[in-house]
Amino acid sequence: MKYNTLLFPRKANQTNFSLFLLSMRLLFGSLLMTHGYAKLMGFAAMSASFPEPFLASLLSDAGHFR
């Protein structure tokens, strides 16, 4: 698997690349966590403006989700 060795290098001489991947994973993980936390804390205010999914609006008009 070419991609498996790219994402998870096993050789000792690839330590710098492993540290780079670790730092990228931590960086993007923290960015996603802060994004998700902000959405979670503002959920009550934002939930009124969320559009209803297309399928659910079709079925609710037919009386299935009342």
Protein backbone atom coordinates (compact mmCIF):
# COMPACT_ATOMS: atom_id res chain seq x y z
CA MET A 1 0.00 0.00 0.00
CA LYS A 2 1.64 3.16 -1.19
CA TYR A 3 -0.70 5.47 0.76
CA ASN A 4 -0.31 3.55 4.01
CA THR A 5 3.45 4.09 4.05
CA LEU A 6 2.98 7.75 3.14
CA LEU A 7 0.63 8.43 6.05
CA PHE A 8 2.36 6.12 8.55
CA PRO A 9 6.09 5.93 7.79
CA ARG A 10 7.93 3.14 9.61
CA LYS A 11 11.60 3.84 8.90
CA ALA A 12 13.75 5.59 11.49
CA ASN A 13 15.18 8.02 8.93
CA GLN A 14 11.73 9.49 8.35
CA THR A 15 11.43 10.98 11.82
CA ASN A 16 11.19 14.53 10.54
CA PHE A 17 8.37 13.59 8.20
CA SER A 18 6.58 11.79 11.03
CA LEU A 19 6.85 14.88 13.23
CA PHE A 20 5.56 17.01 10.37
CA LEU A 21 2.54 14.74 9.94
CA LEU A 22 1.89 14.77 13.68
CA SER A 23 1.99 18.55 13.77
CA MET A 24 -0.38 18.79 10.79
CA ARG A 25 -2.81 16.35 12.39
CA LEU A 26 -2.76 18.31 15.64
CA LEU A 27 -3.18 21.62 13.83
CA PHE A 28 -6.12 20.55 11.68
CA GLY A 29 -7.68 18.64 14.57
CA SER A 30 -7.60 21.73 16.76
CA LEU A 31 -9.03 23.85 13.93
CA LEU A 32 -11.92 21.43 13.49
CA MET A 33 -12.53 21.26 17.23
CA THR A 34 -12.73 25.04 17.58
CA HIS A 35 -15.06 25.21 14.59
CA GLY A 36 -17.32 22.52 16.03
CA TYR A 37 -17.29 24.05 19.51
CA ALA A 38 -18.38 27.42 18.16
CA LYS A 39 -21.25 25.79 16.28
CA LEU A 40 -22.27 23.76 19.32
CA MET A 41 -22.32 26.80 21.62
CA GLY A 42 -24.38 28.82 19.14
CA PHE A 43 -26.72 25.99 18.19
CA ALA A 44 -29.86 27.48 19.76
CA ALA A 45 -29.44 30.74 17.88
CA MET A 46 -28.51 29.10 14.58
CA SER A 47 -31.09 26.29 14.62
CA ALA A 48 -33.92 28.61 13.60
CA SER A 49 -32.11 29.56 10.40
CA PHE A 50 -31.21 26.02 9.30
CA PRO A 51 -33.09 24.98 6.18
CA GLU A 52 -35.22 21.87 6.39
CA PRO A 53 -33.85 18.96 4.34
CA PHE A 54 -35.54 18.49 0.97
CA LEU A 55 -36.86 15.00 1.63
CA ALA A 56 -38.25 15.86 5.07
CA SER A 57 -40.14 18.86 3.70
CA LEU A 58 -41.71 16.73 0.97
CA LEU A 59 -42.80 14.07 3.44
CA SER A 60 -44.07 16.58 6.01
CA ASP A 61 -46.32 18.11 3.34
CA ALA A 62 -47.76 14.65 2.78
CA GLY A 63 -48.53 14.32 6.50
CA HIS A 64 -45.93 11.69 7.38
CA PHE A 65 -43.95 13.73 9.91
CA ARG A 66 -46.67 15.50 11.85
